[in-house]
Amino acid sequence: MRVATEGEQFAREHGLVFLETSAKTAHNVEEAFVNTARQIYGKIQEGVFDVTNESFGIRVGVNPTSQDPGAGRAQAARSGGCC
């Protein structure tokens, strides 16, 4: 029998997604992103999240000022923001 890790246990107790990944080898990184996106999409379809209300932390669409995905990070760095 496999024993749950502390992170796995925390995720289970709080209804969070958990998947061990490795930034060094990229193991499970794409799977973690896809699984998380799939669960978010499912909750949107079920009406759990209201995509018209940005207080849920979901913004639909592309930034109208730029198609460059790195542009937002560059702007955040200039303004002292994160990520």
PDB file of N, CA and C in Angstrom:
ATOM      1  N   MET A   1       0.843  -1.190   0.000  1.00  0.00           N
ATOM      2  CA  MET A   1       0.000   0.000   0.000  1.00  0.00           C
ATOM      3  C   MET A   1       0.881   1.243   0.000  1.00  0.00           C
ATOM      4  N   ARG A   2       0.543   2.209  -0.860  1.00  0.00           N
ATOM      5  CA  ARG A   2       1.295   3.446  -0.982  1.00  0.00           C
ATOM      6  C   ARG A   2       0.786   4.460   0.030  1.00  0.00           C
ATOM      7  N   VAL A   3       1.717   5.148   0.675  1.00  0.00           N
ATOM      8  CA  VAL A   3       1.374   6.170   1.663  1.00  0.00           C
ATOM      9  C   VAL A   3       1.327   7.523   0.960  1.00  0.00           C
ATOM     10  N   ALA A   4       0.285   8.301   1.222  1.00  0.00           N
ATOM     11  CA  ALA A   4       0.142   9.621   0.612  1.00  0.00           C
ATOM     12  C   ALA A   4       1.188  10.578   1.171  1.00  0.00           C
ATOM     13  N   THR A   5       1.704  11.433   0.296  1.00  0.00           N
ATOM     14  CA  THR A   5       2.641  12.460   0.739  1.00  0.00           C
ATOM     15  C   THR A   5       1.877  13.561   1.469  1.00  0.00           C
ATOM     16  N   GLU A   6       2.619  14.419   2.144  1.00  0.00           N
ATOM     17  CA  GLU A   6       1.989  15.534   2.856  1.00  0.00           C
ATOM     18  C   GLU A   6       1.225  16.431   1.884  1.00  0.00           C
ATOM     19  N   GLY A   7       1.830  16.706   0.721  1.00  0.00           N
ATOM     20  CA  GLY A   7       1.173  17.545  -0.288  1.00  0.00           C
ATOM     21  C   GLY A   7      -0.072  16.901  -0.841  1.00  0.00           C
ATOM     22  N   GLU A   8       0.008  15.604  -1.089  1.00  0.00           N
ATOM     23  CA  GLU A   8      -1.130  14.855  -1.594  1.00  0.00           C
ATOM     24  C   GLU A   8      -2.279  14.859  -0.586  1.00  0.00           C
ATOM     25  N   GLN A   9      -1.935  14.671   0.677  1.00  0.00           N
ATOM     26  CA  GLN A   9      -2.936  14.677   1.740  1.00  0.00           C
ATOM     27  C   GLN A   9      -3.593  16.055   1.865  1.00  0.00           C
ATOM     28  N   PHE A  10      -2.785  17.107   1.817  1.00  0.00           N
ATOM     29  CA  PHE A  10      -3.305  18.476   1.893  1.00  0.00           C
ATOM     30  C   PHE A  10      -4.272  18.738   0.746  1.00  0.00           C
ATOM     31  N   ALA A  11      -3.858  18.342  -0.464  1.00  0.00           N
ATOM     32  CA  ALA A  11      -4.704  18.546  -1.643  1.00  0.00           C
ATOM     33  C   ALA A  11      -6.034  17.814  -1.488  1.00  0.00           C
ATOM     34  N   ARG A  12      -5.980  16.584  -1.044  1.00  0.00           N
ATOM     35  CA  ARG A  12      -7.201  15.790  -0.862  1.00  0.00           C
ATOM     36  C   ARG A  12      -8.131  16.462   0.145  1.00  0.00           C
ATOM     37  N   GLU A  13      -7.576  16.911   1.272  1.00  0.00           N
ATOM     38  CA  GLU A  13      -8.392  17.527   2.333  1.00  0.00           C
ATOM     39  C   GLU A  13      -9.036  18.832   1.895  1.00  0.00           C
ATOM     40  N   HIS A  14      -8.424  19.521   0.928  1.00  0.00           N
ATOM     41  CA  HIS A  14      -8.923  20.827   0.505  1.00  0.00           C
ATOM     42  C   HIS A  14      -9.531  20.825  -0.893  1.00  0.00           C
ATOM     43  N   GLY A  15      -9.733  19.646  -1.456  1.00  0.00           N
ATOM     44  CA  GLY A  15     -10.365  19.546  -2.772  1.00  0.00           C
ATOM     45  C   GLY A  15      -9.522  20.135  -3.893  1.00  0.00           C
ATOM     46  N   LEU A  16      -8.194  20.008  -3.776  1.00  0.00           N
ATOM     47  CA  LEU A  16      -7.276  20.568  -4.768  1.00  0.00           C
ATOM     48  C   LEU A  16      -6.731  19.489  -5.683  1.00  0.00           C
ATOM     49  N   VAL A  17      -6.213  19.921  -6.825  1.00  0.00           N
ATOM     50  CA  VAL A  17      -5.557  19.016  -7.771  1.00  0.00           C
ATOM     51  C   VAL A  17      -4.149  18.743  -7.265  1.00  0.00           C
ATOM     52  N   PHE A  18      -3.715  17.485  -7.320  1.00  0.00           N
ATOM     53  CA  PHE A  18      -2.350  17.146  -6.925  1.00  0.00           C
ATOM     54  C   PHE A  18      -1.745  16.199  -7.939  1.00  0.00           C
ATOM     55  N   LEU A  19      -0.548  16.532  -8.398  1.00  0.00           N
ATOM     56  CA  LEU A  19       0.211  15.662  -9.277  1.00  0.00           C
ATOM     57  C   LEU A  19       1.679  16.009  -9.089  1.00  0.00           C
ATOM     58  N   GLU A  20       2.482  15.019  -8.746  1.00  0.00           N
ATOM     59  CA  GLU A  20       3.908  15.277  -8.573  1.00  0.00           C
ATOM     60  C   GLU A  20       4.534  15.581  -9.918  1.00  0.00           C
ATOM     61  N   THR A  21       5.343  16.628  -9.960  1.00  0.00           N
ATOM     62  CA  THR A  21       6.012  17.043 -11.190  1.00  0.00           C
ATOM     63  C   THR A  21       7.488  17.294 -10.917  1.00  0.00           C
ATOM     64  N   SER A  22       8.250  17.454 -11.986  1.00  0.00           N
ATOM     65  CA  SER A  22       9.659  17.798 -11.859  1.00  0.00           C
ATOM     66  C   SER A  22       9.998  18.910 -12.840  1.00  0.00           C
ATOM     67  N   ALA A  23      10.414  20.046 -12.322  1.00  0.00           N
ATOM     68  CA  ALA A  23      10.867  21.130 -13.189  1.00  0.00           C
ATOM     69  C   ALA A  23      12.176  20.752 -13.863  1.00  0.00           C
ATOM     70  N   LYS A  24      12.955  19.936 -13.200  1.00  0.00           N
ATOM     71  CA  LYS A  24      14.266  19.535 -13.731  1.00  0.00           C
ATOM     72  C   LYS A  24      14.122  18.637 -14.963  1.00  0.00           C
ATOM     73  N   THR A  25      13.244  17.650 -14.887  1.00  0.00           N
ATOM     74  CA  THR A  25      13.081  16.714 -16.002  1.00  0.00           C
ATOM     75  C   THR A  25      11.807  16.960 -16.811  1.00  0.00           C
ATOM     76  N   ALA A  26      10.962  17.860 -16.349  1.00  0.00           N
ATOM     77  CA  ALA A  26       9.663  18.180 -16.964  1.00  0.00           C
ATOM     78  C   ALA A  26       8.659  17.029 -16.830  1.00  0.00           C
ATOM     79  N   HIS A  27       8.950  16.058 -15.971  1.00  0.00           N
ATOM     80  CA  HIS A  27       8.038  14.930 -15.750  1.00  0.00           C
ATOM     81  C   HIS A  27       6.697  15.439 -15.202  1.00  0.00           C
ATOM     82  N   ASN A  28       5.629  15.100 -15.885  1.00  0.00           N
ATOM     83  CA  ASN A  28       4.248  15.420 -15.497  1.00  0.00           C
ATOM     84  C   ASN A  28       3.898  16.907 -15.551  1.00  0.00           C
ATOM     85  N   VAL A  29       4.774  17.764 -16.065  1.00  0.00           N
ATOM     86  CA  VAL A  29       4.471  19.198 -16.102  1.00  0.00           C
ATOM     87  C   VAL A  29       3.296  19.465 -17.043  1.00  0.00           C
ATOM     88  N   GLU A  30       3.363  18.937 -18.252  1.00  0.00           N
ATOM     89  CA  GLU A  30       2.263  19.151 -19.196  1.00  0.00           C
ATOM     90  C   GLU A  30       0.978  18.507 -18.682  1.00  0.00           C
ATOM     91  N   GLU A  31       1.101  17.307 -18.123  1.00  0.00           N
ATOM     92  CA  GLU A  31      -0.076  16.619 -17.590  1.00  0.00           C
ATOM     93  C   GLU A  31      -0.737  17.426 -16.483  1.00  0.00           C
ATOM     94  N   ALA A  32       0.074  18.044 -15.627  1.00  0.00           N
ATOM     95  CA  ALA A  32      -0.474  18.861 -14.538  1.00  0.00           C
ATOM     96  C   ALA A  32      -1.256  20.040 -15.106  1.00  0.00           C
ATOM     97  N   PHE A  33      -0.692  20.688 -16.113  1.00  0.00           N
ATOM     98  CA  PHE A  33      -1.376  21.829 -16.735  1.00  0.00           C
ATOM     99  C   PHE A  33      -2.673  21.374 -17.400  1.00  0.00           C
ATOM    100  N   VAL A  34      -2.594  20.327 -18.192  1.00  0.00           N
ATOM    101  CA  VAL A  34      -3.774  19.851 -18.922  1.00  0.00           C
ATOM    102  C   VAL A  34      -4.859  19.377 -17.958  1.00  0.00           C
ATOM    103  N   ASN A  35      -4.486  18.617 -16.941  1.00  0.00           N
ATOM    104  CA  ASN A  35      -5.478  18.130 -15.975  1.00  0.00           C
ATOM    105  C   ASN A  35      -6.145  19.275 -15.225  1.00  0.00           C
ATOM    106  N   THR A  36      -5.350  20.263 -14.836  1.00  0.00           N
ATOM    107  CA  THR A  36      -5.912  21.423 -14.134  1.00  0.00           C
ATOM    108  C   THR A  36      -6.857  22.198 -15.045  1.00  0.00           C
ATOM    109  N   ALA A  37      -6.412  22.446 -16.278  1.00  0.00           N
ATOM    110  CA  ALA A  37      -7.258  23.166 -17.239  1.00  0.00           C
ATOM    111  C   ALA A  37      -8.551  22.398 -17.503  1.00  0.00           C
ATOM    112  N   ARG A  38      -8.447  21.077 -17.615  1.00  0.00           N
ATOM    113  CA  ARG A  38      -9.632  20.244 -17.856  1.00  0.00           C
ATOM    114  C   ARG A  38     -10.617  20.357 -16.687  1.00  0.00           C
ATOM    115  N   GLN A  39     -10.108  20.346 -15.467  1.00  0.00           N
ATOM    116  CA  GLN A  39     -10.996  20.451 -14.298  1.00  0.00           C
ATOM    117  C   GLN A  39     -11.635  21.836 -14.220  1.00  0.00           C
ATOM    118  N   ILE A  40     -10.866  22.867 -14.521  1.00  0.00           N
ATOM    119  CA  ILE A  40     -11.432  24.226 -14.526  1.00  0.00           C
ATOM    120  C   ILE A  40     -12.521  24.328 -15.585  1.00  0.00           C
ATOM    121  N   TYR A  41     -12.237  23.824 -16.790  1.00  0.00           N
ATOM    122  CA  TYR A  41     -13.215  23.862 -17.870  1.00  0.00           C
ATOM    123  C   TYR A  41     -14.494  23.111 -17.473  1.00  0.00           C
ATOM    124  N   GLY A  42     -14.327  21.961 -16.852  1.00  0.00           N
ATOM    125  CA  GLY A  42     -15.488  21.195 -16.399  1.00  0.00           C
ATOM    126  C   GLY A  42     -16.336  21.982 -15.410  1.00  0.00           C
ATOM    127  N   LYS A  43     -15.670  22.684 -14.499  1.00  0.00           N
ATOM    128  CA  LYS A  43     -16.408  23.481 -13.519  1.00  0.00           C
ATOM    129  C   LYS A  43     -17.099  24.671 -14.172  1.00  0.00           C
ATOM    130  N   ILE A  44     -16.483  25.221 -15.221  1.00  0.00           N
ATOM    131  CA  ILE A  44     -17.142  26.300 -15.970  1.00  0.00           C
ATOM    132  C   ILE A  44     -18.400  25.747 -16.637  1.00  0.00           C
ATOM    133  N   GLN A  45     -18.274  24.574 -17.264  1.00  0.00           N
ATOM    134  CA  GLN A  45     -19.416  23.945 -17.934  1.00  0.00           C
ATOM    135  C   GLN A  45     -20.533  23.621 -16.947  1.00  0.00           C
ATOM    136  N   GLU A  46     -20.178  23.258 -15.710  1.00  0.00           N
ATOM    137  CA  GLU A  46     -21.168  22.922 -14.686  1.00  0.00           C
ATOM    138  C   GLU A  46     -21.776  24.163 -14.035  1.00  0.00           C
ATOM    139  N   GLY A  47     -21.227  25.346 -14.339  1.00  0.00           N
ATOM    140  CA  GLY A  47     -21.730  26.578 -13.757  1.00  0.00           C
ATOM    141  C   GLY A  47     -21.140  26.907 -12.397  1.00  0.00           C
ATOM    142  N   VAL A  48     -20.098  26.169 -11.985  1.00  0.00           N
ATOM    143  CA  VAL A  48     -19.460  26.435 -10.699  1.00  0.00           C
ATOM    144  C   VAL A  48     -18.732  27.780 -10.743  1.00  0.00           C
ATOM    145  N   PHE A  49     -18.097  28.064 -11.890  1.00  0.00           N
ATOM    146  CA  PHE A  49     -17.396  29.337 -12.084  1.00  0.00           C
ATOM    147  C   PHE A  49     -18.158  30.165 -13.095  1.00  0.00           C
ATOM    148  N   ASP A  50     -18.313  31.435 -12.804  1.00  0.00           N
ATOM    149  CA  ASP A  50     -18.973  32.370 -13.712  1.00  0.00           C
ATOM    150  C   ASP A  50     -17.891  33.152 -14.443  1.00  0.00           C
ATOM    151  N   VAL A  51     -17.673  32.840 -15.721  1.00  0.00           N
ATOM    152  CA  VAL A  51     -16.585  33.484 -16.464  1.00  0.00           C
ATOM    153  C   VAL A  51     -16.868  34.944 -16.780  1.00  0.00           C
ATOM    154  N   THR A  52     -18.067  35.420 -16.507  1.00  0.00           N
ATOM    155  CA  THR A  52     -18.359  36.838 -16.713  1.00  0.00           C
ATOM    156  C   THR A  52     -17.988  37.654 -15.484  1.00  0.00           C
ATOM    157  N   ASN A  53     -17.598  36.974 -14.392  1.00  0.00           N
ATOM    158  CA  ASN A  53     -17.248  37.645 -13.143  1.00  0.00           C
ATOM    159  C   ASN A  53     -15.769  37.374 -12.852  1.00  0.00           C
ATOM    160  N   GLU A  54     -14.908  38.372 -13.079  1.00  0.00           N
ATOM    161  CA  GLU A  54     -13.466  38.180 -12.918  1.00  0.00           C
ATOM    162  C   GLU A  54     -13.043  37.930 -11.470  1.00  0.00           C
ATOM    163  N   SER A  55     -13.956  38.074 -10.511  1.00  0.00           N
ATOM    164  CA  SER A  55     -13.597  37.785  -9.122  1.00  0.00           C
ATOM    165  C   SER A  55     -13.333  36.299  -8.922  1.00  0.00           C
ATOM    166  N   PHE A  56     -13.736  35.452  -9.888  1.00  0.00           N
ATOM    167  CA  PHE A  56     -13.428  34.027  -9.833  1.00  0.00           C
ATOM    168  C   PHE A  56     -11.992  33.767 -10.277  1.00  0.00           C
ATOM    169  N   GLY A  57     -11.299  34.806 -10.769  1.00  0.00           N
ATOM    170  CA  GLY A  57      -9.913  34.649 -11.191  1.00  0.00           C
ATOM    171  C   GLY A  57      -9.757  34.101 -12.589  1.00  0.00           C
ATOM    172  N   ILE A  58     -10.821  34.122 -13.366  1.00  0.00           N
ATOM    173  CA  ILE A  58     -10.780  33.611 -14.736  1.00  0.00           C
ATOM    174  C   ILE A  58     -11.096  34.757 -15.686  1.00  0.00           C
ATOM    175  N   ARG A  59     -10.192  34.976 -16.623  1.00  0.00           N
ATOM    176  CA  ARG A  59     -10.416  35.994 -17.637  1.00  0.00           C
ATOM    177  C   ARG A  59     -10.447  35.289 -18.985  1.00  0.00           C
ATOM    178  N   VAL A  60     -11.538  35.437 -19.716  1.00  0.00           N
ATOM    179  CA  VAL A  60     -11.708  34.770 -21.000  1.00  0.00           C
ATOM    180  C   VAL A  60     -11.163  35.658 -22.105  1.00  0.00           C
ATOM    181  N   GLY A  61     -10.434  35.051 -23.036  1.00  0.00           N
ATOM    182  CA  GLY A  61      -9.958  35.778 -24.201  1.00  0.00           C
ATOM    183  C   GLY A  61      -8.483  36.103 -24.127  1.00  0.00           C
ATOM    184  N   VAL A  62      -8.038  36.820 -25.132  1.00  0.00           N
ATOM    185  CA  VAL A  62      -6.640  37.197 -25.275  1.00  0.00           C
ATOM    186  C   VAL A  62      -6.506  38.671 -24.933  1.00  0.00           C
ATOM    187  N   ASN A  63      -5.379  39.031 -24.338  1.00  0.00           N
ATOM    188  CA  ASN A  63      -5.103  40.432 -24.047  1.00  0.00           C
ATOM    189  C   ASN A  63      -5.190  41.221 -25.343  1.00  0.00           C
ATOM    190  N   PRO A  64      -6.093  42.193 -25.461  1.00  0.00           N
ATOM    191  CA  PRO A  64      -6.281  42.896 -26.725  1.00  0.00           C
ATOM    192  C   PRO A  64      -5.090  43.762 -27.137  1.00  0.00           C
ATOM    193  N   THR A  65      -4.181  44.052 -26.233  1.00  0.00           N
ATOM    194  CA  THR A  65      -3.060  44.926 -26.573  1.00  0.00           C
ATOM    195  C   THR A  65      -1.905  44.182 -27.196  1.00  0.00           C
ATOM    196  N   SER A  66      -1.866  42.839 -27.069  1.00  0.00           N
ATOM    197  CA  SER A  66      -0.719  42.107 -27.591  1.00  0.00           C
ATOM    198  C   SER A  66      -1.057  40.646 -27.805  1.00  0.00           C
ATOM    199  N   GLN A  67      -0.495  40.076 -28.856  1.00  0.00           N
ATOM    200  CA  GLN A  67      -0.618  38.643 -29.084  1.00  0.00           C
ATOM    201  C   GLN A  67       0.610  37.913 -28.552  1.00  0.00           C
ATOM    202  N   ASP A  68       1.612  38.654 -28.051  1.00  0.00           N
ATOM    203  CA  ASP A  68       2.861  38.080 -27.552  1.00  0.00           C
ATOM    204  C   ASP A  68       2.669  37.622 -26.114  1.00  0.00           C
ATOM    205  N   PRO A  69       2.744  36.297 -25.839  1.00  0.00           N
ATOM    206  CA  PRO A  69       2.518  35.812 -24.469  1.00  0.00           C
ATOM    207  C   PRO A  69       3.539  36.325 -23.476  1.00  0.00           C
ATOM    208  N   GLY A  70       4.723  36.734 -23.899  1.00  0.00           N
ATOM    209  CA  GLY A  70       5.737  37.251 -22.990  1.00  0.00           C
ATOM    210  C   GLY A  70       5.540  38.717 -22.665  1.00  0.00           C
ATOM    211  N   ALA A  71       4.677  39.391 -23.409  1.00  0.00           N
ATOM    212  CA  ALA A  71       4.489  40.825 -23.210  1.00  0.00           C
ATOM    213  C   ALA A  71       3.925  41.140 -21.830  1.00  0.00           C
ATOM    214  N   GLY A  72       3.030  40.313 -21.331  1.00  0.00           N
ATOM    215  CA  GLY A  72       2.446  40.551 -20.016  1.00  0.00           C
ATOM    216  C   GLY A  72       3.473  40.471 -18.912  1.00  0.00           C
ATOM    217  N   ARG A  73       4.403  39.517 -19.013  1.00  0.00           N
ATOM    218  CA  ARG A  73       5.449  39.385 -18.013  1.00  0.00           C
ATOM    219  C   ARG A  73       6.389  40.581 -18.070  1.00  0.00           C
ATOM    220  N   ALA A  74       6.705  41.033 -19.265  1.00  0.00           N
ATOM    221  CA  ALA A  74       7.585  42.199 -19.411  1.00  0.00           C
ATOM    222  C   ALA A  74       6.937  43.430 -18.789  1.00  0.00           C
ATOM    223  N   GLN A  75       5.660  43.612 -19.031  1.00  0.00           N
ATOM    224  CA  GLN A  75       4.931  44.754 -18.459  1.00  0.00           C
ATOM    225  C   GLN A  75       4.894  44.640 -16.941  1.00  0.00           C
ATOM    226  N   ALA A  76       4.640  43.439 -16.427  1.00  0.00           N
ATOM    227  CA  ALA A  76       4.585  43.223 -14.979  1.00  0.00           C
ATOM    228  C   ALA A  76       5.946  43.530 -14.354  1.00  0.00           C
ATOM    229  N   ALA A  77       7.023  43.141 -15.011  1.00  0.00           N
ATOM    230  CA  ALA A  77       8.357  43.402 -14.485  1.00  0.00           C
ATOM    231  C   ALA A  77       8.628  44.898 -14.420  1.00  0.00           C
ATOM    232  N   ARG A  78       8.181  45.628 -15.449  1.00  0.00           N
ATOM    233  CA  ARG A  78       8.383  47.090 -15.462  1.00  0.00           C
ATOM    234  C   ARG A  78       7.563  47.763 -14.365  1.00  0.00           C
ATOM    235  N   SER A  79       6.384  47.211 -14.071  1.00  0.00           N
ATOM    236  CA  SER A  79       5.521  47.846 -13.089  1.00  0.00           C
ATOM    237  C   SER A  79       5.708  47.296 -11.693  1.00  0.00           C
ATOM    238  N   GLY A  80       6.655  46.360 -11.538  1.00  0.00           N
ATOM    239  CA  GLY A  80       6.927  45.798 -10.217  1.00  0.00           C
ATOM    240  C   GLY A  80       5.981  44.677  -9.844  1.00  0.00           C
ATOM    241  N   GLY A  81       5.203  44.185 -10.811  1.00  0.00           N
ATOM    242  CA  GLY A  81       4.262  43.105 -10.553  1.00  0.00           C
ATOM    243  C   GLY A  81       4.946  41.750 -10.562  1.00  0.00           C
ATOM    244  N   CYS A  82       4.165  40.750 -10.437  1.00  0.00           N
ATOM    245  CA  CYS A  82       4.685  39.383 -10.379  1.00  0.00           C
ATOM    246  C   CYS A  82       4.399  38.620 -11.654  1.00  0.00           C
ATOM    247  N   CYS A  83       5.231  37.720 -11.964  1.00  0.00           N
ATOM    248  CA  CYS A  83       5.088  36.678 -12.984  1.00  0.00           C
ATOM    249  C   CYS A  83       4.779  37.217 -14.353  1.00  0.00           C
TER     250      CYS A  83
END
